């Protein structure tokens, strides 16, 4: 049983807790129950707008787990127990759990996630979508309950495989050092390394890290983005990748074979050169596949 679990809006301005910390606790508890965490917890940036009552960043935290042998009711009980025990008193928490094998029309959920990065959405729409796609638990735990919007959107964005950064910095013990792409992959579990424009770097290319690595989710892979600086490649920081809710580069386009779908009705952002807008993507229950022969039919 593959589950997508996402939490949002569990903190307040006291910063006595954070959504990221609560997500980490939920992930650890579900691993203790026998689950296998897929890659890690990802942070998904949503729209910053004066009509949205977020605490500071308006981002949700999502995880994917294989929970063979576990009951969905038990997963929900454990997740909401941690949420209730650790959420801030004045927060507006939401929890979303999606069972992939029971969900229909995953493209609608991905589209919802993209919309939540571009427009203000009411929570009634989130609940309606959760009912219609099936396999989805969506609940609020106090306050206005608007955290359900971000929780559902976070699942959609993680499902797309082309959004978000992994929680926490990695590799701080290697600060100030340079290693080959191949060695970074081996040491840090990185699956691909791209330059700032989306070109994949060769395994023998040296990458320097200044303080730590900030890894992104791209093509359903744990990805390191590097920029050219002073005649060498340097691992990108969070500041390099995001400014508020605006990406500072089209680095989300990993593939040089990208071609925009000529039917705008099939796109989820007319100006974004990302896989979910590509002519060669084919929707599947787990996101989409690349059907371009040049890409050997691999996952997008």
Protein backbone atom coordinates (compact mmCIF):
# COMPACT_ATOMS: atom_id res chain seq x y z
CA UNK A 1 0.00 0.00 0.00
CA UNK A 2 1.64 3.23 -1.16
CA UNK A 3 0.54 6.27 0.83
CA UNK A 4 1.08 9.97 0.31
CA UNK A 5 0.89 11.82 3.64
CA UNK A 6 0.97 15.62 3.85
CA UNK A 7 0.54 18.17 6.65
CA UNK A 8 0.13 21.92 6.52
CA UNK A 9 -0.40 24.95 8.76
CA UNK A 10 0.48 23.35 12.10
CA UNK A 11 2.55 26.23 13.50
CA UNK A 12 2.08 29.86 14.56
CA UNK A 13 4.26 32.92 15.09
CA UNK A 14 5.62 31.59 18.40
CA UNK A 15 7.59 29.04 16.35
CA UNK A 16 7.31 26.64 19.29
CA UNK A 17 6.95 23.95 16.63
CA UNK A 18 7.03 23.72 12.85
CA UNK A 19 5.22 21.79 10.17
CA UNK A 20 8.55 20.32 9.09
CA UNK A 21 9.31 18.95 12.55
CA UNK A 22 5.83 17.47 12.84
CA UNK A 23 6.21 15.87 9.40
CA UNK A 24 9.52 14.35 10.50
CA UNK A 25 7.88 12.88 13.60
CA UNK A 26 5.04 11.40 11.56
CA UNK A 27 7.50 9.92 9.07
CA UNK A 28 9.55 8.33 11.84
CA UNK A 29 6.47 6.90 13.54
CA UNK A 30 5.23 5.34 10.30
CA UNK A 31 8.67 3.87 9.64
CA UNK A 32 8.53 2.39 13.15
CA UNK A 33 5.23 0.79 12.13
CA UNK A 34 7.03 -0.98 9.32
CA UNK A 35 6.71 1.58 6.56
CA UNK A 36 9.44 2.34 4.03
CA UNK A 37 10.00 6.04 3.45
CA UNK A 38 10.48 6.92 -0.22
CA UNK A 39 13.44 9.34 -0.57
CA UNK A 40 12.42 11.68 2.26
CA UNK A 41 10.08 14.49 3.34
CA UNK A 42 9.63 17.24 0.75
CA UNK A 43 8.68 20.89 1.19
CA UNK A 44 6.29 22.39 -1.34
CA UNK A 45 5.96 26.15 -1.68
CA UNK A 46 2.44 27.49 -2.18
CA UNK A 47 1.18 30.92 -3.19
CA UNK A 48 2.05 33.95 -1.07
CA UNK A 49 -0.99 36.24 -1.11
CA UNK A 50 -2.63 38.71 1.27
CA UNK A 51 -5.89 36.74 1.15
CA UNK A 52 -4.19 33.58 2.45
CA UNK A 53 -3.74 33.35 6.22
CA UNK A 54 -0.39 31.54 6.40
CA UNK A 55 2.18 31.88 9.18
CA UNK A 56 5.39 32.77 7.36
CA UNK A 57 6.16 30.70 4.26
CA UNK A 58 2.92 28.96 3.20
CA UNK A 59 4.52 25.63 2.48
CA UNK A 60 3.36 22.08 3.13
CA UNK A 61 5.34 18.95 3.93
CA UNK A 62 4.74 15.66 2.14
CA UNK A 63 6.08 12.13 2.41
CA UNK A 64 5.53 8.88 0.52
CA UNK A 65 5.62 5.51 2.25
CA UNK A 66 5.10 1.87 1.36
CA UNK A 67 3.02 0.54 4.24
CA UNK A 68 2.62 -3.17 3.53
CA UNK A 69 0.66 -4.95 6.22
CA UNK A 70 -0.51 -1.77 7.95
CA UNK A 71 -4.13 -0.71 8.25
CA UNK A 72 -5.04 2.71 6.87
CA UNK A 73 -6.97 3.45 10.05
CA UNK A 74 -3.82 2.80 12.10
CA UNK A 75 -1.75 5.11 9.89
CA UNK A 76 -4.33 7.87 10.26
CA UNK A 77 -4.53 7.39 14.03
CA UNK A 78 -0.76 7.64 14.48
CA UNK A 79 -0.41 10.65 12.19
CA UNK A 80 -3.21 12.64 13.77
CA UNK A 81 -2.05 11.77 17.31
CA UNK A 82 1.36 13.31 16.58
CA UNK A 83 -0.30 16.29 14.89
CA UNK A 84 -2.67 16.96 17.82
CA UNK A 85 0.09 16.59 20.42
CA UNK A 86 2.50 18.95 18.68
CA UNK A 87 0.49 21.52 16.70
CA UNK A 88 0.38 25.11 17.88
CA UNK A 89 -2.79 26.10 19.73
CA UNK A 90 -3.68 28.89 17.32
CA UNK A 91 -2.83 27.01 14.12
CA UNK A 92 -5.19 25.82 11.37
CA UNK A 93 -3.86 22.31 10.66
CA UNK A 94 -4.77 20.02 7.82
CA UNK A 95 -3.82 16.40 7.18
CA UNK A 96 -4.13 14.55 3.89
CA UNK A 97 -3.55 10.83 3.34
CA UNK A 98 -3.91 9.46 -0.20
CA UNK A 99 -3.90 5.76 -0.97
CA UNK A 100 -2.51 5.61 -4.48
CA UNK A 101 -4.15 2.34 -5.56
CA UNK A 102 -7.63 3.67 -4.72
CA UNK A 103 -7.26 7.09 -6.34
CA UNK A 104 -8.73 7.97 -9.73
CA UNK A 105 -7.78 10.90 -11.97
CA UNK A 106 -4.43 11.74 -10.36
CA UNK A 107 -3.98 14.45 -13.01
CA UNK A 108 -6.72 16.47 -11.30
CA UNK A 109 -4.84 16.32 -8.01
CA UNK A 110 -1.60 17.41 -9.67
CA UNK A 111 -3.44 20.28 -11.36
CA UNK A 112 -4.88 21.32 -7.98
CA UNK A 113 -1.37 21.44 -6.52
CA UNK A 114 -0.17 23.66 -9.35
CA UNK A 115 -3.17 25.97 -8.96
CA UNK A 116 -2.41 26.34 -5.25
CA UNK A 117 0.92 27.84 -6.29
CA UNK A 118 -0.78 30.36 -8.54
CA UNK A 119 -4.18 31.29 -7.12
CA UNK A 120 -6.25 31.52 -3.94
CA UNK A 121 -8.39 28.40 -3.40
CA UNK A 122 -11.24 27.84 -0.95
CA UNK A 123 -11.18 24.81 1.34
CA UNK A 124 -14.61 23.68 0.11
CA UNK A 125 -13.03 22.98 -3.27
CA UNK A 126 -10.32 20.91 -1.61
CA UNK A 127 -12.90 18.75 0.16
CA UNK A 128 -14.92 18.31 -3.02
CA UNK A 129 -11.88 17.19 -4.99
CA UNK A 130 -10.84 14.76 -2.24
CA UNK A 131 -14.28 13.13 -2.42
CA UNK A 132 -14.27 12.92 -6.21
CA UNK A 133 -10.80 11.39 -6.72
CA UNK A 134 -11.32 8.71 -4.05
CA UNK A 135 -8.73 7.03 -1.85
CA UNK A 136 -8.20 10.29 0.03
CA UNK A 137 -8.57 11.24 3.69
CA UNK A 138 -8.66 15.01 4.23
CA UNK A 139 -9.26 16.41 7.71
CA UNK A 140 -8.78 19.61 9.67
CA UNK A 141 -7.83 19.87 13.34
CA UNK A 142 -8.83 23.30 14.60
CA UNK A 143 -8.86 26.97 13.79
CA UNK A 144 -10.16 27.78 10.34
CA UNK A 145 -8.97 24.42 9.03
CA UNK A 146 -7.51 26.00 5.90
CA UNK A 147 -4.48 23.74 6.24
CA UNK A 148 -6.47 21.12 4.31
CA UNK A 149 -5.87 23.17 1.13
CA UNK A 150 -2.11 23.00 1.44
CA UNK A 151 -2.17 19.40 2.62
CA UNK A 152 -4.08 18.26 -0.47
CA UNK A 153 -2.01 20.51 -2.75
CA UNK A 154 1.21 19.13 -1.29
CA UNK A 155 0.20 15.59 -2.22
CA UNK A 156 -0.55 16.73 -5.77
CA UNK A 157 2.82 18.45 -6.09
CA UNK A 158 4.72 15.47 -4.70
CA UNK A 159 2.75 13.17 -7.00
CA UNK A 160 3.88 15.23 -9.98
CA UNK A 161 7.49 14.34 -9.16
CA UNK A 162 8.61 17.75 -10.39
CA UNK A 163 8.28 20.02 -7.38
CA UNK A 164 9.72 20.71 -3.97
CA UNK A 165 12.93 20.47 -2.02
CA UNK A 166 13.91 17.84 0.52
CA UNK A 167 13.60 18.92 4.11
CA UNK A 168 16.83 19.99 5.77
CA UNK A 169 20.30 20.67 4.48
CA UNK A 170 22.57 17.74 3.70
CA UNK A 171 26.31 17.21 3.63
CA UNK A 172 27.36 19.97 6.02
CA UNK A 173 30.23 17.71 7.11
CA UNK A 174 31.65 18.21 3.62
CA UNK A 175 31.47 22.03 3.69
CA UNK A 176 34.22 23.65 1.67
CA UNK A 177 35.05 20.46 -0.22
CA UNK A 178 34.72 19.34 -3.84
CA UNK A 179 33.88 15.86 -5.08
CA UNK A 180 32.89 14.30 -8.38
CA UNK A 181 29.24 13.90 -9.31
CA UNK A 182 29.68 10.15 -8.96
CA UNK A 183 31.00 10.46 -5.42
CA UNK A 184 28.26 12.88 -4.36
CA UNK A 185 25.68 10.40 -5.65
CA UNK A 186 27.23 7.57 -3.66
CA UNK A 187 27.70 9.54 -0.42
CA UNK A 188 24.36 11.38 -0.36
CA UNK A 189 21.94 9.09 -2.19
CA UNK A 190 21.59 11.65 -4.98
CA UNK A 191 20.06 10.25 -8.17
CA UNK A 192 20.93 12.98 -10.66
CA UNK A 193 22.97 16.20 -10.81
CA UNK A 194 21.89 19.04 -13.11
CA UNK A 195 23.32 22.43 -13.90
CA UNK A 196 21.27 25.57 -13.28
CA UNK A 197 19.75 25.31 -16.77
CA UNK A 198 18.70 21.67 -16.46
CA UNK A 199 21.57 19.89 -18.24
CA UNK A 200 22.68 16.64 -16.61
CA UNK A 201 26.32 16.75 -15.48
CA UNK A 202 28.74 13.91 -16.15
CA UNK A 203 29.86 11.63 -13.32
CA UNK A 204 33.45 12.94 -13.41
CA UNK A 205 32.42 16.62 -13.08
CA UNK A 206 33.63 18.18 -9.81
CA UNK A 207 30.98 19.89 -7.62
CA UNK A 208 31.96 22.19 -4.75
CA UNK A 209 29.76 22.64 -1.68
CA UNK A 210 30.09 25.84 0.35
CA UNK A 211 28.04 25.02 3.47
CA UNK A 212 25.57 22.26 2.66
CA UNK A 213 23.50 20.74 -0.13
CA UNK A 214 19.86 21.60 -0.84
CA UNK A 215 18.32 18.77 -2.82
CA UNK A 216 15.25 19.04 -5.04
CA UNK A 217 12.60 16.63 -6.30
CA UNK A 218 12.77 16.45 -10.08
CA UNK A 219 11.72 13.66 -12.45
CA UNK A 220 10.76 11.69 -9.31
CA UNK A 221 14.45 11.74 -8.34
CA UNK A 222 16.51 13.25 -5.53
CA UNK A 223 18.36 15.93 -7.48
CA UNK A 224 21.32 18.21 -6.85
CA UNK A 225 21.32 21.49 -8.79
CA UNK A 226 24.70 23.16 -9.37
CA UNK A 227 25.61 26.58 -10.78
CA UNK A 228 28.76 27.77 -12.52
CA UNK A 229 30.63 30.19 -10.29
CA UNK A 230 34.23 31.35 -10.48
CA UNK A 231 35.15 28.77 -13.08
CA UNK A 232 33.74 25.79 -11.20
CA UNK A 233 30.39 24.18 -10.33
CA UNK A 234 28.97 25.01 -6.90
CA UNK A 235 26.00 23.30 -5.28
CA UNK A 236 22.95 25.58 -5.25
CA UNK A 237 21.49 26.83 -1.99
CA UNK A 238 17.82 27.34 -1.22
CA UNK A 239 18.25 31.03 -2.03
CA UNK A 240 19.56 30.08 -5.47
CA UNK A 241 16.47 28.04 -6.20
CA UNK A 242 13.64 30.11 -4.72
CA UNK A 243 12.72 33.69 -3.90
CA UNK A 244 9.51 33.50 -1.91
CA UNK A 245 7.04 31.58 -4.05
CA UNK A 246 8.83 32.42 -7.31
CA UNK A 247 11.36 30.14 -8.94
CA UNK A 248 14.37 32.10 -10.11
CA UNK A 249 15.17 29.78 -13.01
CA UNK A 250 13.49 27.29 -15.30
CA UNK A 251 15.80 24.61 -13.87
CA UNK A 252 12.69 22.48 -13.43
CA UNK A 253 13.19 21.55 -17.08
CA UNK A 254 15.66 18.71 -16.80
CA UNK A 255 15.13 17.41 -20.29
CA UNK A 256 16.64 18.97 -23.38
CA UNK A 257 13.92 17.24 -25.42
CA UNK A 258 11.14 19.35 -23.87
CA UNK A 259 8.41 20.37 -26.29
CA UNK A 260 5.36 22.27 -25.14
CA UNK A 261 2.03 20.51 -25.61
CA UNK A 262 0.21 22.24 -28.46
CA UNK A 263 -3.12 21.90 -26.66
CA UNK A 264 -3.19 24.53 -23.92
CA UNK A 265 -6.12 22.75 -22.29
CA UNK A 266 -3.69 19.95 -21.45
CA UNK A 267 -1.17 22.27 -19.75
CA UNK A 268 -0.96 23.41 -16.15
CA UNK A 269 0.88 26.70 -16.63
CA UNK A 270 1.35 28.19 -20.07
CA UNK A 271 4.75 29.73 -19.35
CA UNK A 272 6.40 26.90 -17.44
CA UNK A 273 8.73 24.52 -19.26
CA UNK A 274 8.24 21.55 -16.97
CA UNK A 275 7.44 17.91 -17.60
CA UNK A 276 3.73 18.22 -16.81
CA UNK A 277 3.41 20.66 -19.75
CA UNK A 278 5.43 18.57 -22.19
CA UNK A 279 4.03 17.00 -25.34
CA UNK A 280 5.72 13.70 -24.45
CA UNK A 281 4.31 13.14 -20.97
CA UNK A 282 1.70 10.45 -20.45
CA UNK A 283 -0.33 10.48 -17.24
CA UNK A 284 -0.18 7.39 -15.04
CA UNK A 285 -1.46 6.54 -11.58
CA UNK A 286 1.90 7.58 -10.12
CA UNK A 287 2.37 10.84 -12.05
CA UNK A 288 3.47 10.52 -15.66
CA UNK A 289 5.85 8.75 -18.01
CA UNK A 290 8.00 10.12 -20.81
CA UNK A 291 7.00 8.53 -24.13
CA UNK A 292 9.66 10.31 -26.19
CA UNK A 293 11.81 7.68 -27.90
CA UNK A 294 14.90 9.79 -27.19
CA UNK A 295 14.23 9.31 -23.49
CA UNK A 296 13.72 5.54 -23.80
CA UNK A 297 10.26 5.75 -22.27
CA UNK A 298 11.65 6.48 -18.82
CA UNK A 299 9.73 8.10 -16.00
CA UNK A 300 9.32 11.84 -16.25
